[in-house]
């Protein structure tokens, strides 16, 4: 997981300018592993919920377009799903 700004802890601590001043082996995690796991699980659940909601909305829009009855219909749903 990347924090704000897109930099991970390893990116910052591993930076060569800081390497001489930091002993990575002595640094302990800020959060217990259980808390990290709970936060990751919650994040994944929220992302899944949002994706499902977005997919349902897109499917509804596509269904409405299809039901309008044009002779040929080409859906852009697959492109939106991949993005």
Protein backbone atom coordinates (compact mmCIF):
# COMPACT_ATOMS: atom_id res chain seq x y z
CA UNK A 1 0.00 0.00 0.00
CA UNK A 2 1.22 3.46 -0.84
CA UNK A 3 0.52 6.42 1.42
CA UNK A 4 -0.34 9.87 0.12
CA UNK A 5 2.10 11.11 -2.43
CA UNK A 6 2.74 7.63 -3.82
CA UNK A 7 5.82 6.93 -1.72
CA UNK A 8 6.08 3.84 0.40
CA UNK A 9 7.97 3.61 3.67
CA UNK A 10 10.64 1.58 1.88
CA UNK A 11 11.06 4.30 -0.77
CA UNK A 12 11.68 6.97 1.85
CA UNK A 13 13.85 4.95 4.22
CA UNK A 14 15.81 3.41 1.35
CA UNK A 15 16.71 6.78 -0.15
CA UNK A 16 20.50 7.00 -0.34
CA UNK A 17 20.67 10.43 1.34
CA UNK A 18 18.93 9.02 4.41
CA UNK A 19 20.57 5.59 4.43
CA UNK A 20 23.60 6.82 6.38
CA UNK A 21 21.38 8.25 9.13
CA UNK A 22 18.82 5.48 9.52
CA UNK A 23 19.28 1.95 10.75
CA UNK A 24 16.33 0.19 9.14
CA UNK A 25 16.84 -2.91 11.29
CA UNK A 26 16.11 -0.89 14.42
CA UNK A 27 12.88 0.61 13.13
CA UNK A 28 9.76 -1.10 14.38
CA UNK A 29 6.37 -1.04 12.63
CA UNK A 30 4.14 1.88 13.60
CA UNK A 31 1.05 -0.35 13.67
CA UNK A 32 0.62 -3.92 14.84
CA UNK A 33 0.26 -6.47 12.01
CA UNK A 34 -3.37 -7.13 13.00
CA UNK A 35 -4.24 -3.45 12.56
CA UNK A 36 -2.49 -3.32 9.19
CA UNK A 37 -4.41 -6.42 8.08
CA UNK A 38 -7.72 -4.94 9.24
CA UNK A 39 -7.03 -1.69 7.40
CA UNK A 40 -6.06 -3.54 4.22
CA UNK A 41 -9.17 -5.72 4.45
CA UNK A 42 -11.38 -2.67 4.96
CA UNK A 43 -9.77 -0.88 2.03
CA UNK A 44 -10.27 -3.89 -0.25
CA UNK A 45 -13.91 -4.20 0.83
CA UNK A 46 -14.54 -0.51 0.12
CA UNK A 47 -12.90 -0.73 -3.30
CA UNK A 48 -14.94 -3.84 -4.18
CA UNK A 49 -18.14 -2.09 -3.08
CA UNK A 50 -17.32 0.98 -5.18
CA UNK A 51 -16.45 -1.11 -8.24
CA UNK A 52 -19.69 -3.07 -7.90
CA UNK A 53 -21.70 0.15 -7.58
CA UNK A 54 -20.00 1.66 -10.63
CA UNK A 55 -20.57 -1.51 -12.66
CA UNK A 56 -24.26 -1.58 -11.72
CA UNK A 57 -24.64 2.05 -12.79
CA UNK A 58 -22.86 1.45 -16.10
CA UNK A 59 -24.94 -1.66 -16.79
CA UNK A 60 -28.12 0.32 -16.18
CA UNK A 61 -27.01 3.01 -18.61
CA UNK A 62 -26.06 0.41 -21.23
CA UNK A 63 -29.38 -1.40 -20.80
CA UNK A 64 -31.31 1.84 -21.31
CA UNK A 65 -29.34 2.63 -24.48
CA UNK A 66 -29.89 -0.90 -25.79
CA UNK A 67 -33.62 -0.77 -25.08
CA UNK A 68 -33.97 2.43 -27.10
CA UNK A 69 -33.97 0.08 -30.07
CA UNK A 70 -31.40 1.23 -32.58
CA UNK A 71 -30.73 -1.35 -35.31
CA UNK A 72 -27.13 -1.87 -34.34
CA UNK A 73 -25.79 -1.27 -30.91
CA UNK A 74 -22.19 -1.28 -29.80
CA UNK A 75 -21.50 -1.14 -26.11
CA UNK A 76 -18.52 0.69 -24.66
CA UNK A 77 -18.89 -1.15 -21.37
CA UNK A 78 -15.91 -3.46 -21.93
CA UNK A 79 -13.63 -0.46 -22.47
CA UNK A 80 -14.91 1.20 -19.31
CA UNK A 81 -14.45 -1.99 -17.29
CA UNK A 82 -10.83 -2.36 -18.36
CA UNK A 83 -10.03 1.24 -17.46
